[in-house]
Amino acid sequence: MNADRESNRLPLRAGAMLLFAVAIVCVGLGWHSAATSGKNPEAQLRAAQSGAPTSAAPAPTQSSATNSAKVCVINAGTVNGLATVVDDQLKSKGFTTAGITSESNYSQGGFTENTIVYSTPGQKAQAQKIAQALDNDYSVDSRANMASSFIRCAGGVAVVAVRR
C-alpha cells in the first residue's frame, strides 16, 4: 500500500519541477531584458523627482533630425558660465537651443574635451554642423545611451563644453 502512494506522487513532483524550471527561465529573461534595455532606472528616478519626462522622446526621422533635434548645452568643465557663452554662440549662428538651466552643469566626469554628443544616426549631420559653427573646436561622438547622462537632452544633441 505504501508503494502505491509513492507512484501517485511522481506526477506531482514532475509538475512542480516543471513549474520551477519555467520560473527560473522567466527570471533569467527578466534580468536579460533589464540589462540590455539601455535604460537607467536611477536616471529615471531623478527625472521623476525633478518633474522631467522619464522616457526619451521618439527618435526623429532622418530628415527632421538634421534640422530640428533639440540642442542642449552642458558645462562639464570648471569654467563658470561656459554653457551660457556657448549657448549664446549657437543662438547667434541661428541654432535653436533648449536654454540654460541648473541641469546645464555636468559633474559626473568622463569628458576631457569639448564634445558634441548625438544619439541617433540621423542627428550626425546636425552635430557636424554645430561643430563647424563652433570653429571645429568640438569632437563629434555618438552615444546611444546619452539620455542616461543628459536627461533634459533626451532625443536631442548635447554640446558638452569642457573648456573655452
Protein backbone atom coordinates (compact mmCIF):
# COMPACT_ATOMS: atom_id res chain seq x y z
CA MET A 1 0.00 0.00 0.00
CA ASN A 2 2.89 2.32 0.66
CA ALA A 3 4.29 1.71 -2.83
CA ASP A 4 1.00 2.86 -4.41
CA ARG A 5 1.18 6.21 -2.64
CA GLU A 6 4.73 6.87 -3.90
CA SER A 7 3.73 6.24 -7.53
CA ASN A 8 0.85 8.69 -7.19
CA ARG A 9 3.19 11.48 -6.06
CA LEU A 10 5.56 11.14 -9.01
CA PRO A 11 3.40 13.22 -11.42
CA LEU A 12 3.07 15.94 -8.78
CA ARG A 13 6.83 16.11 -8.32
CA ALA A 14 7.40 16.27 -12.06
CA GLY A 15 4.83 19.09 -12.36
CA ALA A 16 6.47 21.02 -9.53
CA MET A 17 9.91 20.67 -11.15
CA LEU A 18 8.49 21.85 -14.46
CA LEU A 19 6.96 24.94 -12.85
CA PHE A 20 10.23 25.63 -11.04
CA ALA A 21 12.15 25.42 -14.34
CA VAL A 22 9.69 27.81 -16.04
CA ALA A 23 10.08 30.29 -13.15
CA ILE A 24 13.88 30.19 -13.48
CA VAL A 25 13.65 30.85 -17.23
CA CYS A 26 11.28 33.79 -16.64
CA VAL A 27 13.60 35.34 -14.05
CA GLY A 28 16.57 34.91 -16.38
CA LEU A 29 14.73 36.56 -19.26
CA GLY A 30 13.70 39.43 -16.99
CA TRP A 31 17.28 40.03 -15.92
CA HIS A 32 18.47 39.88 -19.51
CA SER A 33 15.80 42.35 -20.60
CA ALA A 34 16.70 44.77 -17.81
CA ALA A 35 20.42 44.51 -18.52
CA THR A 36 20.10 45.09 -22.26
CA SER A 37 17.32 47.68 -22.37
CA GLY A 38 19.72 50.64 -22.18
CA LYS A 39 17.52 52.38 -19.63
CA ASN A 40 18.95 53.74 -16.43
CA PRO A 41 16.48 53.34 -13.56
CA GLU A 42 18.42 55.79 -11.37
CA ALA A 43 18.22 58.47 -14.06
CA GLN A 44 14.51 57.80 -14.47
CA LEU A 45 14.03 58.18 -10.71
CA ARG A 46 15.91 61.50 -10.70
CA ALA A 47 13.82 62.66 -13.66
CA ALA A 48 10.60 61.70 -11.91
CA GLN A 49 11.66 63.61 -8.80
CA SER A 50 12.53 66.71 -10.82
CA GLY A 51 9.33 66.56 -12.86
CA ALA A 52 11.10 65.84 -16.16
CA PRO A 53 9.71 63.18 -18.50
CA THR A 54 11.07 59.71 -17.76
CA SER A 55 11.13 58.29 -21.26
CA ALA A 56 13.13 59.50 -24.18
CA ALA A 57 11.31 61.22 -26.97
CA PRO A 58 10.69 59.05 -30.01
CA ALA A 59 13.56 59.08 -32.45
CA PRO A 60 13.03 61.69 -35.14
CA THR A 61 13.11 60.75 -38.79
CA GLN A 62 16.28 61.15 -40.82
CA SER A 63 15.18 64.41 -42.47
CA SER A 64 13.78 66.10 -39.37
CA ALA A 65 16.70 65.06 -37.13
CA THR A 66 19.11 67.10 -39.21
CA ASN A 67 17.07 70.26 -38.87
CA SER A 68 15.10 70.14 -35.65
CA ALA A 69 16.68 67.95 -32.95
CA LYS A 70 16.80 69.68 -29.59
CA VAL A 71 20.22 71.24 -28.86
CA CYS A 72 21.32 71.34 -25.22
CA VAL A 73 24.49 72.98 -23.98
CA ILE A 74 26.13 71.31 -20.99
CA ASN A 75 29.02 72.71 -18.92
CA ALA A 76 31.26 69.76 -17.99
CA GLY A 77 34.29 71.88 -17.13
CA THR A 78 35.38 74.13 -14.31
CA VAL A 79 34.77 77.45 -16.10
CA ASN A 80 31.73 79.20 -14.58
CA GLY A 81 29.22 80.39 -17.18
CA LEU A 82 30.75 78.37 -20.02
CA ALA A 83 27.40 76.85 -21.00
CA THR A 84 25.87 80.34 -21.31
CA VAL A 85 28.71 81.53 -23.54
CA VAL A 86 28.42 78.52 -25.87
CA ASP A 87 24.61 78.74 -25.85
CA ASP A 88 24.84 82.40 -26.93
CA GLN A 89 27.33 81.49 -29.69
CA LEU A 90 24.96 78.89 -31.09
CA LYS A 91 21.96 81.22 -30.95
CA SER A 92 23.92 83.94 -32.77
CA LYS A 93 24.66 81.43 -35.54
CA GLY A 94 20.98 80.51 -35.99
CA PHE A 95 20.63 77.41 -33.84
CA THR A 96 17.67 76.95 -31.51
CA THR A 97 18.77 75.69 -28.10
CA ALA A 98 16.91 74.37 -25.09
CA GLY A 99 18.28 77.20 -22.95
CA ILE A 100 20.42 77.12 -19.82
CA THR A 101 19.11 75.68 -16.56
CA SER A 102 20.64 74.30 -13.38
CA GLU A 103 20.78 70.95 -15.21
CA SER A 104 23.24 72.52 -17.67
CA ASN A 105 26.12 71.65 -15.33
CA TYR A 106 27.53 68.13 -15.54
CA SER A 107 29.85 66.89 -12.81
CA GLN A 108 29.90 63.13 -13.34
CA GLY A 109 33.16 63.18 -15.30
CA GLY A 110 34.02 61.27 -18.44
CA PHE A 111 34.60 64.26 -20.70
CA THR A 112 38.10 65.70 -21.12
CA GLU A 113 37.48 67.66 -24.31
CA ASN A 114 34.70 69.66 -25.90
CA THR A 115 32.32 67.13 -27.43
CA ILE A 116 29.05 67.15 -29.34
CA VAL A 117 27.06 64.03 -28.48
CA TYR A 118 24.18 62.69 -30.56
CA SER A 119 22.09 59.57 -30.00
CA THR A 120 20.66 58.59 -33.40
CA PRO A 121 22.38 58.28 -36.80
CA GLY A 122 20.02 60.87 -38.24
CA GLN A 123 21.45 63.53 -35.90
CA LYS A 124 25.04 63.15 -37.08
CA ALA A 125 24.70 65.83 -39.78
CA GLN A 126 23.29 68.34 -37.30
CA ALA A 127 26.07 67.53 -34.80
CA GLN A 128 28.67 68.16 -37.52
CA LYS A 129 27.01 71.48 -38.45
CA ILE A 130 27.16 72.53 -34.79
CA ALA A 131 30.85 71.58 -34.66
CA GLN A 132 31.54 73.69 -37.75
CA ALA A 133 29.63 76.62 -36.25
CA LEU A 134 31.86 76.35 -33.17
CA ASP A 135 35.01 76.51 -35.35
CA ASN A 136 35.55 72.73 -35.20
CA ASP A 137 36.76 73.07 -31.60
CA TYR A 138 34.41 70.17 -30.70
CA SER A 139 34.70 66.48 -31.50
CA VAL A 140 31.52 64.67 -32.59
CA ASP A 141 30.58 61.46 -30.77
CA SER A 142 27.65 59.04 -30.99
CA ARG A 143 26.25 57.62 -27.74
CA ALA A 144 23.09 55.57 -27.90
CA ASN A 145 22.57 55.83 -24.13
CA MET A 146 23.01 59.60 -23.99
CA ALA A 147 19.69 60.11 -22.20
CA SER A 148 21.03 58.35 -19.12
CA SER A 149 23.69 61.06 -18.73
CA PHE A 150 21.76 64.08 -20.02
CA ILE A 151 18.11 63.63 -19.04
CA ARG A 152 16.90 67.00 -20.27
CA CYS A 153 18.53 66.43 -23.65
CA ALA A 154 16.92 63.05 -24.34
CA GLY A 155 16.28 62.68 -28.06
CA GLY A 156 18.45 65.68 -28.87
CA VAL A 157 22.04 66.75 -29.45
CA ALA A 158 24.19 67.66 -26.44
CA VAL A 159 27.01 70.19 -26.74
CA VAL A 160 29.35 69.33 -23.87
CA ALA A 161 31.71 72.21 -23.16
CA VAL A 162 34.77 71.47 -21.05
CA ARG A 163 36.99 74.42 -21.91
CA ARG A 164 36.80 77.65 -23.90
